[in-house]
Each structure stands twice: as C-alpha cells, then as structure tokens.
PDB file of N, CA and C in Angstrom:
ATOM      1  N   MET A   1      98.279 102.381  93.114  1.00  0.00           N
ATOM      2  CA  MET A   1      97.236 101.514  93.653  1.00  0.00           C
ATOM      3  C   MET A   1      95.959 101.775  92.871  1.00  0.00           C
ATOM      4  N   TRP A   2      95.305 100.664  92.726  1.00  0.00           N
ATOM      5  CA  TRP A   2      93.972 100.662  91.965  1.00  0.00           C
ATOM      6  C   TRP A   2      92.814 100.266  92.817  1.00  0.00           C
ATOM      7  N   VAL A   3      91.710 100.984  92.792  1.00  0.00           N
ATOM      8  CA  VAL A   3      90.546 100.649  93.717  1.00  0.00           C
ATOM      9  C   VAL A   3      89.306 100.569  92.833  1.00  0.00           C
ATOM     10  N   ILE A   4      88.566  99.467  93.204  1.00  0.00           N
ATOM     11  CA  ILE A   4      87.214  99.311  92.600  1.00  0.00           C
ATOM     12  C   ILE A   4      86.242  99.582  93.667  1.00  0.00           C
ATOM     13  N   THR A   5      85.360 100.468  93.363  1.00  0.00           N
ATOM     14  CA  THR A   5      84.223 100.761  94.311  1.00  0.00           C
ATOM     15  C   THR A   5      83.000 100.360  93.632  1.00  0.00           C
ATOM     16  N   GLN A   6      82.216  99.439  94.405  1.00  0.00           N
ATOM     17  CA  GLN A   6      81.141  98.729  93.952  1.00  0.00           C
ATOM     18  C   GLN A   6      79.931  99.115  94.735  1.00  0.00           C
ATOM     19  N   TYR A   7      78.800  99.508  94.057  1.00  0.00           N
ATOM     20  CA  TYR A   7      77.484  99.759  94.513  1.00  0.00           C
ATOM     21  C   TYR A   7      76.479  98.684  94.171  1.00  0.00           C
ATOM     22  N   SER A   8      76.054  97.923  95.086  1.00  0.00           N
ATOM     23  CA  SER A   8      75.140  96.831  94.818  1.00  0.00           C
ATOM     24  C   SER A   8      74.191  96.642  96.092  1.00  0.00           C
ATOM     25  N   GLU A   9      72.916  96.499  95.816  1.00  0.00           N
ATOM     26  CA  GLU A   9      71.941  96.237  96.725  1.00  0.00           C
ATOM     27  C   GLU A   9      72.007  97.200  97.969  1.00  0.00           C
ATOM     28  N   GLY A  10      72.248  98.517  97.712  1.00  0.00           N
ATOM     29  CA  GLY A  10      72.292  99.458  98.757  1.00  0.00           C
ATOM     30  C   GLY A  10      73.625  99.406  99.594  1.00  0.00           C
ATOM     31  N   LYS A  11      74.605  98.610  99.208  1.00  0.00           N
ATOM     32  CA  LYS A  11      75.837  98.597  99.935  1.00  0.00           C
ATOM     33  C   LYS A  11      76.998  99.040  99.044  1.00  0.00           C
ATOM     34  N   ILE A  12      77.968  99.611  99.758  1.00  0.00           N
ATOM     35  CA  ILE A  12      79.233 100.173  99.044  1.00  0.00           C
ATOM     36  C   ILE A  12      80.306  99.145  99.523  1.00  0.00           C
ATOM     37  N   CYS A  13      81.137  98.657  98.547  1.00  0.00           N
ATOM     38  CA  CYS A  13      82.270  97.862  98.877  1.00  0.00           C
ATOM     39  C   CYS A  13      83.512  98.384  98.097  1.00  0.00           C
ATOM     40  N   MET A  14      84.716  98.230  98.704  1.00  0.00           N
ATOM     41  CA  MET A  14      85.891  98.872  97.984  1.00  0.00           C
ATOM     42  C   MET A  14      86.997  97.663  98.061  1.00  0.00           C
ATOM     43  N   PHE A  15      87.589  97.491  96.870  1.00  0.00           N
ATOM     44  CA  PHE A  15      88.611  96.533  96.682  1.00  0.00           C
ATOM     45  C   PHE A  15      89.873  97.211  96.193  1.00  0.00           C
ATOM     46  N   GLU A  16      90.976  96.788  96.820  1.00  0.00           N
ATOM     47  CA  GLU A  16      92.272  97.453  96.449  1.00  0.00           C
ATOM     48  C   GLU A  16      93.242  96.534  95.747  1.00  0.00           C
ATOM     49  N   PHE A  17      93.958  97.053  94.813  1.00  0.00           N
ATOM     50  CA  PHE A  17      94.846  96.236  94.037  1.00  0.00           C
ATOM     51  C   PHE A  17      96.105  96.915  93.682  1.00  0.00           C
ATOM     52  N   ASP A  18      97.106  96.205  93.672  1.00  0.00           N
ATOM     53  CA  ASP A  18      98.468  96.920  93.477  1.00  0.00           C
ATOM     54  C   ASP A  18      98.783  97.098  91.958  1.00  0.00           C
ATOM     55  N   LYS A  19      98.295  96.114  91.155  1.00  0.00           N
ATOM     56  CA  LYS A  19      98.514  96.121  89.724  1.00  0.00           C
ATOM     57  C   LYS A  19      97.282  96.452  88.884  1.00  0.00           C
ATOM     58  N   LYS A  20      97.429  97.064  87.912  1.00  0.00           N
ATOM     59  CA  LYS A  20      96.234  97.372  87.021  1.00  0.00           C
ATOM     60  C   LYS A  20      95.694  96.149  86.382  1.00  0.00           C
ATOM     61  N   GLU A  21      96.443  95.187  86.002  1.00  0.00           N
ATOM     62  CA  GLU A  21      96.034  93.959  85.354  1.00  0.00           C
ATOM     63  C   GLU A  21      95.029  93.258  86.279  1.00  0.00           C
ATOM     64  N   GLU A  22      95.406  93.098  87.553  1.00  0.00           N
ATOM     65  CA  GLU A  22      94.601  92.492  88.618  1.00  0.00           C
ATOM     66  C   GLU A  22      93.303  93.219  88.622  1.00  0.00           C
ATOM     67  N   ALA A  23      93.315  94.467  88.794  1.00  0.00           N
ATOM     68  CA  ALA A  23      92.071  95.304  88.962  1.00  0.00           C
ATOM     69  C   ALA A  23      91.133  95.134  87.750  1.00  0.00           C
ATOM     70  N   LYS A  24      91.771  95.153  86.536  1.00  0.00           N
ATOM     71  CA  LYS A  24      90.851  95.020  85.440  1.00  0.00           C
ATOM     72  C   LYS A  24      90.216  93.691  85.286  1.00  0.00           C
ATOM     73  N   LYS A  25      91.031  92.549  85.677  1.00  0.00           N
ATOM     74  CA  LYS A  25      90.459  91.198  85.671  1.00  0.00           C
ATOM     75  C   LYS A  25      89.262  91.123  86.749  1.00  0.00           C
ATOM     76  N   ALA A  26      89.540  91.662  87.890  1.00  0.00           N
ATOM     77  CA  ALA A  26      88.378  91.697  88.850  1.00  0.00           C
ATOM     78  C   ALA A  26      87.297  92.565  88.465  1.00  0.00           C
ATOM     79  N   PHE A  27      87.498  93.539  87.859  1.00  0.00           N
ATOM     80  CA  PHE A  27      86.407  94.480  87.389  1.00  0.00           C
ATOM     81  C   PHE A  27      85.355  93.824  86.593  1.00  0.00           C
ATOM     82  N   GLN A  28      86.007  92.926  85.737  1.00  0.00           N
ATOM     83  CA  GLN A  28      85.041  92.161  84.744  1.00  0.00           C
ATOM     84  C   GLN A  28      84.098  91.260  85.422  1.00  0.00           C
ATOM     85  N   THR A  29      84.591  90.692  86.559  1.00  0.00           N
ATOM     86  CA  THR A  29      83.775  89.701  87.298  1.00  0.00           C
ATOM     87  C   THR A  29      82.843  90.338  88.327  1.00  0.00           C
ATOM     88  N   ILE A  30      83.124  91.463  88.841  1.00  0.00           N
ATOM     89  CA  ILE A  30      82.261  92.136  89.881  1.00  0.00           C
ATOM     90  C   ILE A  30      80.937  92.539  89.320  1.00  0.00           C
ATOM     91  N   LYS A  31      79.956  92.206  90.014  1.00  0.00           N
ATOM     92  CA  LYS A  31      78.540  92.581  89.511  1.00  0.00           C
ATOM     93  C   LYS A  31      78.149  93.876  90.187  1.00  0.00           C
ATOM     94  N   GLY A  32      77.147  94.550  89.688  1.00  0.00           N
ATOM     95  CA  GLY A  32      76.563  95.801  90.143  1.00  0.00           C
ATOM     96  C   GLY A  32      77.228  96.958  89.468  1.00  0.00           C
ATOM     97  N   THR A  33      76.952  98.156  89.956  1.00  0.00           N
ATOM     98  CA  THR A  33      77.520  99.396  89.492  1.00  0.00           C
ATOM     99  C   THR A  33      78.976  99.498  90.002  1.00  0.00           C
ATOM    100  N   LYS A  34      79.888  99.845  89.314  1.00  0.00           N
ATOM    101  CA  LYS A  34      81.305  99.815  89.807  1.00  0.00           C
ATOM    102  C   LYS A  34      82.097 100.970  89.132  1.00  0.00           C
ATOM    103  N   ILE A  35      83.180 101.409  89.772  1.00  0.00           N
ATOM    104  CA  ILE A  35      84.042 102.431  89.316  1.00  0.00           C
ATOM    105  C   ILE A  35      85.569 101.908  89.610  1.00  0.00           C
ATOM    106  N   LEU A  36      86.249 101.962  88.577  1.00  0.00           N
ATOM    107  CA  LEU A  36      87.807 101.684  88.651  1.00  0.00           C
ATOM    108  C   LEU A  36      88.516 102.927  88.673  1.00  0.00           C
ATOM    109  N   SER A  37      89.292 103.081  89.771  1.00  0.00           N
ATOM    110  CA  SER A  37      90.115 104.372  89.919  1.00  0.00           C
ATOM    111  C   SER A  37      91.561 103.967  90.281  1.00  0.00           C
ATOM    112  N   GLU A  38      92.348 104.914  89.733  1.00  0.00           N
ATOM    113  CA  GLU A  38      93.711 104.843  90.063  1.00  0.00           C
ATOM    114  C   GLU A  38      94.113 105.879  91.244  1.00  0.00           C
ATOM    115  N   ILE A  39      94.739 105.398  92.250  1.00  0.00           N
ATOM    116  CA  ILE A  39      95.021 106.344  93.394  1.00  0.00           C
ATOM    117  C   ILE A  39      96.471 106.678  93.233  1.00  0.00           C
ATOM    118  N   VAL A  40      96.725 107.896  93.155  1.00  0.00           N
ATOM    119  CA  VAL A  40      98.100 108.426  92.945  1.00  0.00           C
ATOM    120  C   VAL A  40      98.440 109.187  94.241  1.00  0.00           C
ATOM    121  N   TYR A  41      99.624 108.879  94.958  1.00  0.00           N
ATOM    122  CA  TYR A  41     100.027 109.679  96.047  1.00  0.00           C
ATOM    123  C   TYR A  41     101.264 110.511  95.601  1.00  0.00           C
ATOM    124  N   PHE A  42     101.202 111.869  95.965  1.00  0.00           N
ATOM    125  CA  PHE A  42     102.290 112.799  95.466  1.00  0.00           C
ATOM    126  C   PHE A  42     103.528 112.440  96.081  1.00  0.00           C
ATOM    127  N   ASN A  43     103.670 111.682  97.206  1.00  0.00           N
ATOM    128  CA  ASN A  43     104.886 111.213  97.655  1.00  0.00           C
ATOM    129  C   ASN A  43     105.441 109.913  97.056  1.00  0.00           C
ATOM    130  N   ASP A  44     104.865 109.445  96.104  1.00  0.00           N
ATOM    131  CA  ASP A  44     105.351 108.245  95.429  1.00  0.00           C
ATOM    132  C   ASP A  44     106.755 108.403  94.730  1.00  0.00           C
ATOM    133  N   PRO A  45     107.594 107.458  94.722  1.00  0.00           N
ATOM    134  CA  PRO A  45     108.919 107.694  94.196  1.00  0.00           C
ATOM    135  C   PRO A  45     108.895 108.137  92.693  1.00  0.00           C
ATOM    136  N   CYS A  46     107.864 107.838  91.904  1.00  0.00           N
ATOM    137  CA  CYS A  46     107.843 108.273  90.533  1.00  0.00           C
ATOM    138  C   CYS A  46     107.809 109.738  90.433  1.00  0.00           C
ATOM    139  N   PHE A  47     107.398 110.496  91.391  1.00  0.00           N
ATOM    140  CA  PHE A  47     107.228 111.909  91.345  1.00  0.00           C
ATOM    141  C   PHE A  47     108.438 112.692  91.895  1.00  0.00           C
ATOM    142  N   LEU A  48     109.424 111.941  92.333  1.00  0.00           N
ATOM    143  CA  LEU A  48     110.622 112.610  92.945  1.00  0.00           C
ATOM    144  C   LEU A  48     111.675 113.032  91.891  1.00  0.00           C
TER     145      LEU A  48
END
C-alpha cells in the first residue's frame, strides 16, 4: 500500500493507493507539502 500525506493550510490529509504508479501520478498533482510512503505489513504474503 502507498500513502500520500499532505500538509496544506494547516490541515493534514492522507490518500491511500494500492499501486505505486497511481500514487506517483497523484503525488505530482497534489499541492502543498507532501510525503509519499510505502506501507509494509509483516503478514503480507511476500514475507512468508
């Protein structure tokens, strides 16, 4: 999962995406200070 955290005008908003490509596209259009993060859960199948 990918999350964009946006800080703008004293407000914090978070947007969740399943795919990295979707998140990167949205990241370019979102205004304000922003952080793109990948969320990794240790119980994901890729870690089994």
